[in-house]
Amino acid sequence: MVRNILLLLSLAFVASMATAQDVTAVIIDGRSMVPLRYVTESLGASVTYDSRTRNTNISLDDQHVNMSTGSNIAFVDGNRVVMDTTPALIDGVTYVPVRFVSTNLGMDVIWISQTRQVRIAYPKTGKTIVLVVREAGI
């Protein structure tokens, strides 16, 4: 399978405050992919990763998502779901489809095209992440 990959530089904001760390978002076959731990842990989720099986478990309150790098099959609260893309391992970092993971953990996701922002909010805690996406070099 041939994949089109576009690297984007993102500045991340948590609760409207810029973080000290830049985050790189990756567009793979038209899907926005973000570093798993950054997005999920910033909003309070716990993540475990088994490097032998390349399996990732994400838990937030009573919601659970299980997925494996390179597979389009995920389990959401124990139910099998076919994703339209697969998690990817890039330079030792697991990237996941931002909308799939966020919405299945009970988060709200909004794409603001005018400012190229992805806003991810967890209503139960009031925490919000804003990813400002710019192409490298702009």
C-alpha atoms as a PDB file:
ATOM      1  CA  MET A   1       0.000   0.000   0.000  1.00  0.00           C
ATOM      2  CA  VAL A   2       1.335   3.427  -0.919  1.00  0.00           C
ATOM      3  CA  ARG A   3       0.744   6.105   1.687  1.00  0.00           C
ATOM      4  CA  ASN A   4       0.863   9.828   1.160  1.00  0.00           C
ATOM      5  CA  ILE A   5       2.476  11.402   4.204  1.00  0.00           C
ATOM      6  CA  LEU A   6       2.625  15.121   4.895  1.00  0.00           C
ATOM      7  CA  LEU A   7       4.368  16.337   8.038  1.00  0.00           C
ATOM      8  CA  LEU A   8       2.907  19.406   9.659  1.00  0.00           C
ATOM      9  CA  LEU A   9       4.279  21.501  12.484  1.00  0.00           C
ATOM     10  CA  SER A  10       1.786  22.106  15.237  1.00  0.00           C
ATOM     11  CA  LEU A  11       1.841  24.390  18.206  1.00  0.00           C
ATOM     12  CA  ALA A  12      -0.205  22.903  20.990  1.00  0.00           C
ATOM     13  CA  PHE A  13      -2.281  24.781  23.512  1.00  0.00           C
ATOM     14  CA  VAL A  14      -3.828  23.226  26.604  1.00  0.00           C
ATOM     15  CA  ALA A  15      -6.695  25.174  28.136  1.00  0.00           C
ATOM     16  CA  SER A  16      -5.677  28.192  26.009  1.00  0.00           C
ATOM     17  CA  MET A  17      -2.112  28.130  27.361  1.00  0.00           C
ATOM     18  CA  ALA A  18       0.751  27.314  24.981  1.00  0.00           C
ATOM     19  CA  THR A  19       2.774  24.307  26.033  1.00  0.00           C
ATOM     20  CA  ALA A  20       6.555  24.375  26.022  1.00  0.00           C
ATOM     21  CA  GLN A  21       6.665  21.512  23.548  1.00  0.00           C
ATOM     22  CA  ASP A  22       5.903  21.674  19.844  1.00  0.00           C
ATOM     23  CA  VAL A  23       3.824  18.768  18.611  1.00  0.00           C
ATOM     24  CA  THR A  24       4.075  17.348  15.102  1.00  0.00           C
ATOM     25  CA  ALA A  25       0.838  16.314  13.419  1.00  0.00           C
ATOM     26  CA  VAL A  26       1.054  13.942  10.471  1.00  0.00           C
ATOM     27  CA  ILE A  27      -1.393  13.745   7.596  1.00  0.00           C
ATOM     28  CA  ILE A  28      -1.539  10.172   6.255  1.00  0.00           C
ATOM     29  CA  ASP A  29      -3.883   9.497   3.340  1.00  0.00           C
ATOM     30  CA  GLY A  30      -5.947  12.550   4.233  1.00  0.00           C
ATOM     31  CA  ARG A  31      -6.336  11.693   7.940  1.00  0.00           C
ATOM     32  CA  SER A  32      -4.966  13.865  10.736  1.00  0.00           C
ATOM     33  CA  MET A  33      -2.743  11.769  12.963  1.00  0.00           C
ATOM     34  CA  VAL A  34      -1.335  12.973  16.272  1.00  0.00           C
ATOM     35  CA  PRO A  35       1.111  11.573  18.803  1.00  0.00           C
ATOM     36  CA  LEU A  36      -1.034   9.283  20.948  1.00  0.00           C
ATOM     37  CA  ARG A  37       0.360  10.059  24.375  1.00  0.00           C
ATOM     38  CA  TYR A  38       0.326  13.829  23.938  1.00  0.00           C
ATOM     39  CA  VAL A  39      -3.364  14.109  23.127  1.00  0.00           C
ATOM     40  CA  THR A  40      -4.708  11.407  25.411  1.00  0.00           C
ATOM     41  CA  GLU A  41      -2.590  12.072  28.489  1.00  0.00           C
ATOM     42  CA  SER A  42      -3.072  15.858  28.213  1.00  0.00           C
ATOM     43  CA  LEU A  43      -6.799  15.251  28.645  1.00  0.00           C
ATOM     44  CA  GLY A  44      -6.423  12.751  31.496  1.00  0.00           C
ATOM     45  CA  ALA A  45      -6.407   9.348  29.774  1.00  0.00           C
ATOM     46  CA  SER A  46      -4.020   6.549  30.632  1.00  0.00           C
ATOM     47  CA  VAL A  47      -2.071   4.734  27.912  1.00  0.00           C
ATOM     48  CA  THR A  48      -0.296   1.395  27.904  1.00  0.00           C
ATOM     49  CA  TYR A  49       1.743   0.082  24.991  1.00  0.00           C
ATOM     50  CA  ASP A  50       3.086  -3.437  24.399  1.00  0.00           C
ATOM     51  CA  SER A  51       6.107  -3.133  22.095  1.00  0.00           C
ATOM     52  CA  ARG A  52       6.084  -6.879  21.392  1.00  0.00           C
ATOM     53  CA  THR A  53       2.531  -6.908  19.980  1.00  0.00           C
ATOM     54  CA  ARG A  54       2.430  -3.177  19.069  1.00  0.00           C
ATOM     55  CA  ASN A  55      -0.895  -3.029  20.906  1.00  0.00           C
ATOM     56  CA  THR A  56      -2.090   0.188  22.549  1.00  0.00           C
ATOM     57  CA  ASN A  57      -4.733   0.454  25.271  1.00  0.00           C
ATOM     58  CA  ILE A  58      -6.244   3.835  26.072  1.00  0.00           C
ATOM     59  CA  SER A  59      -8.585   4.358  29.029  1.00  0.00           C
ATOM     60  CA  LEU A  60     -10.448   7.443  30.128  1.00  0.00           C
ATOM     61  CA  ASP A  61     -13.025   7.091  32.880  1.00  0.00           C
ATOM     62  CA  ASP A  62     -15.280   4.248  31.695  1.00  0.00           C
ATOM     63  CA  GLN A  63     -14.246   4.398  28.014  1.00  0.00           C
ATOM     64  CA  HIS A  64     -11.617   2.084  26.535  1.00  0.00           C
ATOM     65  CA  VAL A  65     -10.002   1.972  23.086  1.00  0.00           C
ATOM     66  CA  ASN A  66      -7.644  -0.821  22.033  1.00  0.00           C
ATOM     67  CA  MET A  67      -5.744  -0.702  18.737  1.00  0.00           C
ATOM     68  CA  SER A  68      -2.584  -2.031  17.133  1.00  0.00           C
ATOM     69  CA  THR A  69      -0.080  -0.237  14.939  1.00  0.00           C
ATOM     70  CA  GLY A  70      -0.600  -1.225  11.307  1.00  0.00           C
ATOM     71  CA  SER A  71      -4.120  -2.629  11.825  1.00  0.00           C
ATOM     72  CA  ASN A  72      -7.405  -0.934  10.956  1.00  0.00           C
ATOM     73  CA  ILE A  73      -9.263  -3.022  13.567  1.00  0.00           C
ATOM     74  CA  ALA A  74      -9.904  -1.387  16.934  1.00  0.00           C
ATOM     75  CA  PHE A  75     -11.955  -2.353  19.957  1.00  0.00           C
ATOM     76  CA  VAL A  76     -14.060   0.344  21.579  1.00  0.00           C
ATOM     77  CA  ASP A  77     -15.404  -0.733  24.961  1.00  0.00           C
ATOM     78  CA  GLY A  78     -14.933  -4.332  23.799  1.00  0.00           C
ATOM     79  CA  ASN A  79     -16.767  -3.886  20.491  1.00  0.00           C
ATOM     80  CA  ARG A  80     -14.874  -4.506  17.236  1.00  0.00           C
ATOM     81  CA  VAL A  81     -14.704  -1.415  14.989  1.00  0.00           C
ATOM     82  CA  VAL A  82     -13.115  -1.057  11.536  1.00  0.00           C
ATOM     83  CA  MET A  83     -11.230   2.238  11.206  1.00  0.00           C
ATOM     84  CA  ASP A  84     -10.689   3.985   7.862  1.00  0.00           C
ATOM     85  CA  THR A  85      -6.956   4.284   8.625  1.00  0.00           C
ATOM     86  CA  THR A  86      -4.366   2.592  10.806  1.00  0.00           C
ATOM     87  CA  PRO A  87      -2.224   3.841  13.696  1.00  0.00           C
ATOM     88  CA  ALA A  88       1.341   4.400  12.535  1.00  0.00           C
ATOM     89  CA  LEU A  89       4.699   4.120  14.261  1.00  0.00           C
ATOM     90  CA  ILE A  90       6.946   6.987  13.121  1.00  0.00           C
ATOM     91  CA  ASP A  91      10.398   7.436  14.651  1.00  0.00           C
ATOM     92  CA  GLY A  92       9.339   5.436  17.707  1.00  0.00           C
ATOM     93  CA  VAL A  93       6.162   7.478  18.300  1.00  0.00           C
ATOM     94  CA  THR A  94       2.667   6.042  17.837  1.00  0.00           C
ATOM     95  CA  TYR A  95       0.406   8.333  15.796  1.00  0.00           C
ATOM     96  CA  VAL A  96      -3.361   7.786  15.878  1.00  0.00           C
ATOM     97  CA  PRO A  97      -6.337   9.223  13.989  1.00  0.00           C
ATOM     98  CA  VAL A  98      -7.301  12.186  16.159  1.00  0.00           C
ATOM     99  CA  ARG A  99     -11.045  12.136  15.507  1.00  0.00           C
ATOM    100  CA  PHE A 100     -11.468   8.361  15.957  1.00  0.00           C
ATOM    101  CA  VAL A 101      -9.627   8.173  19.262  1.00  0.00           C
ATOM    102  CA  SER A 102     -10.987  11.421  20.689  1.00  0.00           C
ATOM    103  CA  THR A 103     -14.664  10.821  19.915  1.00  0.00           C
ATOM    104  CA  ASN A 104     -14.514   7.231  21.152  1.00  0.00           C
ATOM    105  CA  LEU A 105     -13.153   8.475  24.480  1.00  0.00           C
ATOM    106  CA  GLY A 106     -16.080  10.886  24.838  1.00  0.00           C
ATOM    107  CA  MET A 107     -14.266  13.991  23.661  1.00  0.00           C
ATOM    108  CA  ASP A 108     -15.567  16.653  21.297  1.00  0.00           C
ATOM    109  CA  VAL A 109     -13.491  17.415  18.188  1.00  0.00           C
ATOM    110  CA  ILE A 110     -13.876  20.503  16.027  1.00  0.00           C
ATOM    111  CA  TRP A 111     -11.834  21.410  12.928  1.00  0.00           C
ATOM    112  CA  ILE A 112     -11.627  25.165  12.350  1.00  0.00           C
ATOM    113  CA  SER A 113     -10.507  25.527   8.751  1.00  0.00           C
ATOM    114  CA  GLN A 114     -10.009  29.317   8.816  1.00  0.00           C
ATOM    115  CA  THR A 115      -7.280  29.053  11.462  1.00  0.00           C
ATOM    116  CA  ARG A 116      -6.225  25.436  10.738  1.00  0.00           C
ATOM    117  CA  GLN A 117      -6.967  24.400  14.308  1.00  0.00           C
ATOM    118  CA  VAL A 118      -8.186  21.160  15.781  1.00  0.00           C
ATOM    119  CA  ARG A 119      -9.912  21.668  19.123  1.00  0.00           C
ATOM    120  CA  ILE A 120     -10.311  18.644  21.341  1.00  0.00           C
ATOM    121  CA  ALA A 121     -12.343  19.066  24.522  1.00  0.00           C
ATOM    122  CA  TYR A 122     -13.250  16.658  27.287  1.00  0.00           C
ATOM    123  CA  PRO A 123     -16.590  17.919  28.644  1.00  0.00           C
ATOM    124  CA  LYS A 124     -16.367  15.930  31.906  1.00  0.00           C
ATOM    125  CA  THR A 125     -13.300  17.874  33.039  1.00  0.00           C
ATOM    126  CA  GLY A 126     -13.519  21.041  30.975  1.00  0.00           C
ATOM    127  CA  LYS A 127      -9.990  20.438  29.609  1.00  0.00           C
ATOM    128  CA  THR A 128      -9.311  21.520  26.040  1.00  0.00           C
ATOM    129  CA  ILE A 129      -6.396  21.066  23.659  1.00  0.00           C
ATOM    130  CA  VAL A 130      -5.985  23.224  20.583  1.00  0.00           C
ATOM    131  CA  LEU A 131      -3.597  22.061  17.871  1.00  0.00           C
ATOM    132  CA  VAL A 132      -2.612  24.838  15.501  1.00  0.00           C
ATOM    133  CA  VAL A 133      -1.485  23.112  12.311  1.00  0.00           C
ATOM    134  CA  ARG A 134       0.885  24.738   9.833  1.00  0.00           C
ATOM    135  CA  GLU A 135       2.839  23.216   7.012  1.00  0.00           C
ATOM    136  CA  ALA A 136       6.537  23.058   7.743  1.00  0.00           C
ATOM    137  CA  GLY A 137       8.348  26.129   6.446  1.00  0.00           C
ATOM    138  CA  ILE A 138       5.339  28.453   6.629  1.00  0.00           C
END
